[in-house]
Structures are given as structure tokens and as C-alpha cells.
Amino acid sequence: MDRLDCDRMFVTVLETGSFSAAALRLGTSSSQASKLVSKLEQQLGVQLFKRSTRALSPTDVGRSYYERVKHLLDAFETLDASVRESATTPTGRLKISAPGSFGTAVLSQVLVAFARRYPLIELDVSFSDRAVNIVDEGFDMAIRIGNLSDSSLVARKLGEVHVRIAASPVYLEQFGTPQHWRDMAQHQCIIDTNFRDPWHWPFSDGNENREIVTVPVRGRLRFANTEACLQAAVAGLGIARLPGFIAAPALLRGEVVHLLANFDTPPLGLFAVYPPARHLAHRARLLIDFLVTHFTHSPPA
């Protein structure tokens, strides 16, 4: 009898609570289910279940073995599916979450190109600035920008996103142009509440070692949307902290001006994050590799 069959049967018996229910699930007979578990106990030299005419319950050793072998069987099933999938035309569904502004301004066109290349892969994409729970909400992966806080997820860096401090010529003519990060305390700022700490803006200190300093800012306008912050900046209502991919078109048109370039902070990381499955589904790996290639050659502004 194959050891893998024995382990599968043991796990199914423990989960269903009986040999008959496990046999029904795996398409065999109750006597065969009992034989497989007994064979496993002989191979291991331990008793995995306490048996009586009325009840079947795992021993302490059985419970401990289940916790370990269940993980191994899940990993094997994932690996098996991944290998089978990689040998055929990529198919299946990918459920993806990405930040709203980045999704509409940058990611959507990349996903369209991916969909053209792999016509049998289904994409279910949610653009939202809410940090979704990937596992609980059934996402295959999420795209995130900035420092990652969830250490339980696997992350792969796709590229970098620059942040620009910008204001309109109208605002600067009326209130002056800040020359140093210390000047920010005197200005009206437009607050993007999607940033991790929207009321404290980081700058490099301008010295050779370029250490990061954090500057408290003030402002009467607060938006949980970076495009709204840009619109307010273009209207002359204050200084905004904007992702480069949002600021770039307005900078090119001269609607806003890049400020404090000598004090720019290091760019934010752009990551794909996904649950820590031992073997990532082939279609998900294809997408991540596609994104890495794209952002290597065409980085976000």
C-alpha cells in the first residue's frame, strides 16, 4: 500500500470522524479505509486512533502527526497542481487587489497586456485603498506600496514609486516657495490620508549621509484619494505630497511645480504580496514575473 494513500486516508478519517465517512469521501470501502490506517500505524509503530464500538478519536500522537502531515499533504497537492498547470496552457482565475489610484493610472494597462498574452487566465481585480485581508477574503495576491507590515505574507519587489512634493505656481506666487523642509511648518498642506502617517512628511536632511527627518505638517484639506489631492494643489489650495505616477502629467503641463528636490526621500517599494504557500500557482507566478519585467523596463514615475 502506498504511504501517500495511507496518509491521505488518516487525515480524512480524522477530519470526518469515521472510517465510513472517510471512505465515502475518497471513493473506497470502509474496510479499505481501516486497512490503510492500520498499515500506517504499523509503519510508524504507534497508535494513531483510540477505537471503540461507539467512538473513534485521535491519540495525542495521532493529533500531533496530523498537524504535521496535513501541512505536507497540502504542499504536495499544491506542487502537483503547479507542475500539471505549468505543462499546459495557463488557465484559471486570479483574484487581485491593488491600490485605487495606482490601479487605474498604472496597473490596469499592464494587466490588459497580460490578459492579451494569456487569454485563458481570468482576472478578477479590485482597485481599493483598503488593505484587504488576502487569506480571509480569498485573494491570490495584492499589490502594495510602501513599508509592509504583515510579516505572514510573502513579498516580491516589483519596482519603486517616487513621491513628489508639489504646488501650483499660483500658490507659490501668493505664499512663497519653500526652500528647506523646515519651511513646511509655514505652509498649508493638502493631506492624503492614505499615507501611513499623513500628518508627518519624511524628507532627507540634505546632508551627505541623507538621513530621514520627519516634519509635522498642517492643512485644512484632507482626502483619502491622491487624485483629489492633486486637483486641490492645481487649484492653488496648498502643497501636496503625491506619488510620482499621479504628479508626472501635471508637472509636465506646468500645472504644479516639484518642490524641495534636494530633500527628496528614497522611493517607496512596490510589492506583490501573497499567502505563504510553499508552491505558488503557476498562473500567479506568471503574473508576478510579467509585472517585474514590465516595471524593470517601464518603472512608475
Protein backbone atom coordinates (compact mmCIF):
# COMPACT_ATOMS: atom_id res chain seq x y z
CA MET A 1 0.00 0.00 0.00
CA ASP A 2 1.32 3.42 -0.93
CA ARG A 3 2.36 5.59 2.03
CA LEU A 4 0.72 8.64 0.49
CA ASP A 5 -2.61 6.80 0.29
CA CYS A 6 -2.25 5.83 3.95
CA ASP A 7 -1.53 9.43 5.00
CA ARG A 8 -4.44 10.78 2.95
CA MET A 9 -6.80 8.27 4.50
CA PHE A 10 -5.58 9.01 8.04
CA VAL A 11 -6.13 12.76 7.55
CA THR A 12 -9.59 12.20 6.06
CA VAL A 13 -10.64 9.84 8.85
CA LEU A 14 -9.57 12.34 11.49
CA GLU A 15 -11.37 15.18 9.73
CA THR A 16 -14.61 13.27 9.06
CA GLY A 17 -14.64 11.34 12.35
CA SER A 18 -15.23 7.86 10.97
CA PHE A 19 -13.90 5.26 8.54
CA SER A 20 -17.18 5.13 6.66
CA ALA A 21 -17.35 8.90 6.10
CA ALA A 22 -13.70 8.98 5.03
CA ALA A 23 -14.23 6.06 2.66
CA LEU A 24 -17.23 7.81 1.11
CA ARG A 25 -15.23 11.00 0.57
CA LEU A 26 -12.29 9.17 -1.03
CA GLY A 27 -14.37 6.72 -3.04
CA THR A 28 -13.43 3.44 -1.38
CA SER A 29 -14.80 0.97 1.18
CA SER A 30 -14.82 1.24 4.97
CA SER A 31 -12.73 -1.90 5.26
CA GLN A 32 -10.12 -0.46 2.91
CA ALA A 33 -10.06 2.77 4.93
CA SER A 34 -9.43 0.81 8.11
CA LYS A 35 -6.68 -1.22 6.44
CA LEU A 36 -4.87 1.90 5.22
CA VAL A 37 -4.87 3.48 8.68
CA SER A 38 -3.77 0.22 10.34
CA LYS A 39 -0.95 -0.08 7.80
CA LEU A 40 0.17 3.45 8.64
CA GLU A 41 0.15 2.67 12.36
CA GLN A 42 2.29 -0.42 11.70
CA GLN A 43 4.78 1.59 9.65
CA LEU A 44 5.05 4.28 12.32
CA GLY A 45 4.97 1.89 15.26
CA VAL A 46 2.37 3.99 17.12
CA GLN A 47 -1.38 4.05 17.72
CA LEU A 48 -2.99 6.99 15.91
CA PHE A 49 -6.60 6.40 16.95
CA LYS A 50 -8.42 5.17 20.05
CA ARG A 51 -11.05 2.75 18.76
CA SER A 52 -14.24 1.58 20.42
CA THR A 53 -17.59 0.30 19.17
CA ARG A 54 -19.09 3.76 19.68
CA ALA A 55 -16.32 6.27 19.05
CA LEU A 56 -13.13 6.95 17.13
CA SER A 57 -10.79 9.62 18.45
CA PRO A 58 -7.16 10.52 17.76
CA THR A 59 -4.48 9.82 20.32
CA ASP A 60 -2.10 12.60 21.34
CA VAL A 61 0.45 11.15 18.94
CA GLY A 62 -2.22 10.97 16.24
CA ARG A 63 -3.17 14.62 16.72
CA SER A 64 0.47 15.67 16.57
CA TYR A 65 1.08 13.59 13.44
CA TYR A 66 -2.00 15.09 11.80
CA GLU A 67 -0.75 18.66 12.31
CA ARG A 68 2.48 17.82 10.52
CA VAL A 69 1.31 15.52 7.77
CA LYS A 70 -1.64 17.76 6.85
CA HIS A 71 0.78 20.56 6.01
CA LEU A 72 2.91 18.18 3.92
CA LEU A 73 -0.08 16.81 2.02
CA ASP A 74 -1.34 20.32 1.27
CA ALA A 75 2.10 21.26 -0.03
CA PHE A 76 2.20 18.12 -2.16
CA GLU A 77 -1.22 18.86 -3.65
CA THR A 78 -0.15 22.41 -4.45
CA LEU A 79 3.08 21.22 -6.04
CA ASP A 80 1.25 18.58 -8.05
CA ALA A 81 -1.26 21.12 -9.36
CA SER A 82 1.50 23.61 -10.14
CA VAL A 83 3.50 21.07 -12.17
CA ARG A 84 0.43 19.92 -14.06
CA GLU A 85 -0.56 23.51 -14.78
CA SER A 86 2.91 24.52 -15.98
CA ALA A 87 2.90 21.69 -18.52
CA THR A 88 -0.25 23.02 -20.19
CA THR A 89 -1.60 26.31 -21.44
CA PRO A 90 -2.01 28.60 -18.39
CA THR A 91 -5.63 28.73 -17.25
CA GLY A 92 -7.64 29.58 -14.16
CA ARG A 93 -8.69 32.60 -12.14
CA LEU A 94 -6.55 35.18 -10.37
CA LYS A 95 -8.16 37.43 -7.76
CA ILE A 96 -6.04 40.55 -7.24
CA SER A 97 -6.24 43.64 -5.03
CA ALA A 98 -4.37 46.87 -5.77
CA PRO A 99 -4.42 50.49 -4.54
CA GLY A 100 -7.09 52.51 -6.32
CA SER A 101 -5.03 55.31 -7.86
CA PHE A 102 -2.11 53.08 -8.80
CA GLY A 103 -4.52 50.56 -10.24
CA THR A 104 -6.32 52.94 -12.56
CA ALA A 105 -3.31 55.08 -13.51
CA VAL A 106 -0.65 52.39 -13.96
CA LEU A 107 -1.58 48.78 -13.26
CA SER A 108 -4.68 48.46 -15.43
CA GLN A 109 -2.75 48.84 -18.69
CA VAL A 110 -0.21 46.22 -17.56
CA LEU A 111 -3.00 43.78 -16.67
CA VAL A 112 -4.60 44.34 -20.08
CA ALA A 113 -1.30 43.39 -21.73
CA PHE A 114 -1.07 40.29 -19.51
CA ALA A 115 -4.65 39.30 -20.40
CA ARG A 116 -3.80 39.56 -24.10
CA ARG A 117 -0.78 37.30 -23.70
CA TYR A 118 -2.65 34.68 -21.62
CA PRO A 119 -6.20 34.54 -22.98
CA LEU A 120 -7.30 31.59 -20.81
CA ILE A 121 -6.42 33.21 -17.48
CA GLU A 122 -9.32 35.02 -15.79
CA LEU A 123 -8.56 38.23 -13.89
CA ASP A 124 -10.78 39.37 -11.01
CA VAL A 125 -9.30 42.72 -9.98
CA SER A 126 -10.30 45.02 -7.13
CA PHE A 127 -8.91 48.57 -7.03
CA SER A 128 -9.26 49.85 -3.48
CA ASP A 129 -7.10 51.73 -1.00
CA ARG A 130 -8.35 49.44 1.76
CA ALA A 131 -5.75 46.92 2.95
CA VAL A 132 -7.63 43.70 2.26
CA ASN A 133 -7.10 40.51 4.24
CA ILE A 134 -5.71 38.38 1.45
CA VAL A 135 -6.37 35.00 3.02
CA ASP A 136 -9.77 35.65 4.59
CA GLU A 137 -11.12 37.44 1.50
CA GLY A 138 -9.85 34.86 -0.97
CA PHE A 139 -7.33 36.96 -2.89
CA ASP A 140 -4.45 35.26 -4.69
CA MET A 141 -2.27 38.33 -4.33
CA ALA A 142 -2.25 42.05 -3.63
CA ILE A 143 -0.15 44.92 -4.94
CA ARG A 144 1.10 47.19 -2.15
CA ILE A 145 3.19 50.34 -1.96
CA GLY A 146 5.43 51.34 0.95
CA ASN A 147 6.53 49.54 4.09
CA LEU A 148 4.99 46.11 4.54
CA SER A 149 3.52 45.39 7.96
CA ASP A 150 2.10 41.87 7.53
CA SER A 151 5.07 39.54 8.06
CA SER A 152 2.89 36.47 7.47
CA LEU A 153 2.79 37.21 3.72
CA VAL A 154 5.42 36.54 1.10
CA ALA A 155 6.53 39.67 -0.77
CA ARG A 156 8.30 40.13 -4.09
CA LYS A 157 9.53 43.56 -5.06
CA LEU A 158 8.25 44.76 -8.43
CA GLY A 159 9.84 48.20 -8.51
CA GLU A 160 9.76 51.58 -6.81
CA VAL A 161 7.39 54.55 -6.59
CA HIS A 162 8.76 58.07 -6.14
CA VAL A 163 6.96 60.67 -4.06
CA ARG A 164 6.87 64.33 -5.11
CA ILE A 165 6.16 67.45 -3.09
CA ALA A 166 4.31 69.82 -5.39
CA ALA A 167 2.28 73.02 -5.51
CA SER A 168 0.83 75.23 -8.23
CA PRO A 169 2.55 78.42 -9.47
CA VAL A 170 -0.49 80.35 -8.18
CA TYR A 171 0.03 79.09 -4.63
CA LEU A 172 3.77 79.73 -4.73
CA GLU A 173 3.30 83.28 -6.03
CA GLN A 174 0.91 84.06 -3.19
CA PHE A 175 2.62 82.25 -0.28
CA GLY A 176 6.22 81.83 -1.41
CA THR A 177 8.30 78.79 -2.35
CA PRO A 178 9.72 76.67 0.49
CA GLN A 179 13.49 76.35 0.20
CA HIS A 180 14.05 73.90 3.03
CA TRP A 181 12.00 71.21 4.74
CA ARG A 182 11.89 73.41 7.85
CA ASP A 183 9.80 75.90 5.84
CA MET A 184 6.93 73.42 5.56
CA ALA A 185 5.63 74.43 9.00
CA GLN A 186 4.64 77.80 7.49
CA HIS A 187 2.56 76.38 4.65
CA GLN A 188 -0.89 74.93 4.07
CA CYS A 189 -0.56 71.28 3.14
CA ILE A 190 -3.06 69.02 1.41
CA ILE A 191 -3.26 65.79 3.37
CA ASP A 192 -3.57 62.41 1.67
CA THR A 193 -4.89 60.16 4.43
CA ASN A 194 -3.90 57.03 2.51
CA PHE A 195 -0.31 57.51 3.62
CA ARG A 196 0.67 55.55 6.72
CA ASP A 197 1.33 58.77 8.71
CA PRO A 198 -0.35 61.55 6.70
CA TRP A 199 0.42 64.33 9.23
CA HIS A 200 4.18 63.76 9.23
CA TRP A 201 6.08 64.06 5.96
CA PRO A 202 9.54 62.48 5.59
CA PHE A 203 12.44 64.29 3.91
CA SER A 204 16.12 63.59 3.56
CA ASP A 205 18.07 66.04 5.72
CA GLY A 206 20.14 67.32 2.78
CA ASN A 207 23.44 66.23 4.29
CA GLU A 208 25.88 63.76 2.78
CA ASN A 209 24.52 60.78 4.73
CA ARG A 210 20.96 61.75 3.74
CA GLU A 211 19.28 60.73 6.96
CA ILE A 212 15.49 60.91 7.10
CA VAL A 213 13.77 63.63 9.09
CA THR A 214 10.03 63.70 9.74
CA VAL A 215 8.26 67.05 9.55
CA PRO A 216 4.81 67.69 11.08
CA VAL A 217 2.50 69.45 8.63
CA ARG A 218 -0.86 71.17 8.87
CA GLY A 219 -3.72 71.67 6.44
CA ARG A 220 -7.45 72.19 6.25
CA LEU A 221 -7.98 69.81 3.30
CA ARG A 222 -7.83 66.07 3.79
CA PHE A 223 -8.61 63.48 1.12
CA ALA A 224 -8.40 59.70 1.06
CA ASN A 225 -7.66 59.97 -2.65
CA THR A 226 -4.47 61.11 -4.33
CA GLU A 227 -6.18 62.50 -7.47
CA ALA A 228 -8.28 64.78 -5.26
CA CYS A 229 -5.09 65.99 -3.55
CA LEU A 230 -3.61 66.79 -6.96
CA GLN A 231 -6.73 68.70 -8.02
CA ALA A 232 -6.59 70.77 -4.84
CA ALA A 233 -2.90 71.50 -5.45
CA VAL A 234 -3.56 72.55 -9.06
CA ALA A 235 -6.29 74.87 -7.75
CA GLY A 236 -3.71 76.65 -5.58
CA LEU A 237 -5.05 75.44 -2.24
CA GLY A 238 -1.80 74.15 -0.77
CA ILE A 239 1.23 71.90 -1.09
CA ALA A 240 0.59 68.22 -1.79
CA ARG A 241 2.57 65.03 -1.29
CA LEU A 242 1.91 62.96 -4.40
CA PRO A 243 3.01 59.64 -5.90
CA GLY A 244 5.13 60.32 -8.96
CA PHE A 245 2.77 58.45 -11.29
CA ILE A 246 -0.01 60.89 -10.32
CA ALA A 247 2.12 64.04 -10.26
CA ALA A 248 4.03 63.45 -13.51
CA PRO A 249 1.41 64.61 -16.08
CA ALA A 250 0.62 67.78 -14.10
CA LEU A 251 4.35 68.51 -13.72
CA LEU A 252 4.84 68.17 -17.47
CA ARG A 253 1.93 70.55 -18.14
CA GLY A 254 3.30 73.06 -15.65
CA GLU A 255 0.15 72.89 -13.50
CA VAL A 256 2.28 72.12 -10.45
CA VAL A 257 5.96 72.54 -9.61
CA HIS A 258 8.24 69.96 -7.97
CA LEU A 259 9.43 71.37 -4.63
CA LEU A 260 12.34 70.59 -2.33
CA ALA A 261 14.01 68.26 -4.84
CA ASN A 262 17.26 68.39 -2.82
CA PHE A 263 15.39 66.86 0.11
CA ASP A 264 13.52 64.09 -1.72
CA THR A 265 13.11 60.90 0.28
CA PRO A 266 14.03 57.43 -1.03
CA PRO A 267 11.31 55.91 -3.22
CA LEU A 268 8.67 53.60 -1.80
CA GLY A 269 8.81 49.92 -2.56
CA LEU A 270 6.24 48.41 -4.93
CA PHE A 271 5.44 44.81 -3.98
CA ALA A 272 3.33 41.83 -4.90
CA VAL A 273 2.31 40.00 -1.73
CA TYR A 274 0.67 36.60 -1.46
CA PRO A 275 -0.03 33.89 1.13
CA PRO A 276 2.93 31.71 2.08
CA ALA A 277 2.01 28.64 0.04
CA ARG A 278 5.07 26.51 -0.47
CA HIS A 279 4.43 26.36 -4.23
CA LEU A 280 2.81 29.41 -5.84
CA ALA A 281 0.25 28.63 -8.54
CA HIS A 282 1.80 28.79 -11.99
CA ARG A 283 -0.60 31.47 -13.25
CA ALA A 284 0.19 33.68 -10.25
CA ARG A 285 3.92 33.25 -10.80
CA LEU A 286 3.44 34.16 -14.47
CA LEU A 287 1.73 37.41 -13.49
CA ILE A 288 4.36 38.36 -10.92
CA ASP A 289 7.17 37.70 -13.41
CA PHE A 290 5.26 39.73 -16.01
CA LEU A 291 4.97 42.67 -13.59
CA VAL A 292 8.65 42.51 -12.62
CA THR A 293 9.67 42.57 -16.28
CA HIS A 294 7.34 45.44 -17.08
CA PHE A 295 8.33 47.68 -14.16
CA THR A 296 12.03 46.93 -14.72
CA HIS A 297 11.78 48.38 -18.22
CA SER A 298 9.00 50.92 -17.57
CA PRO A 299 9.16 51.98 -13.89
CA PRO A 300 6.34 54.06 -12.40
CA ALA A 301 7.16 57.78 -12.49
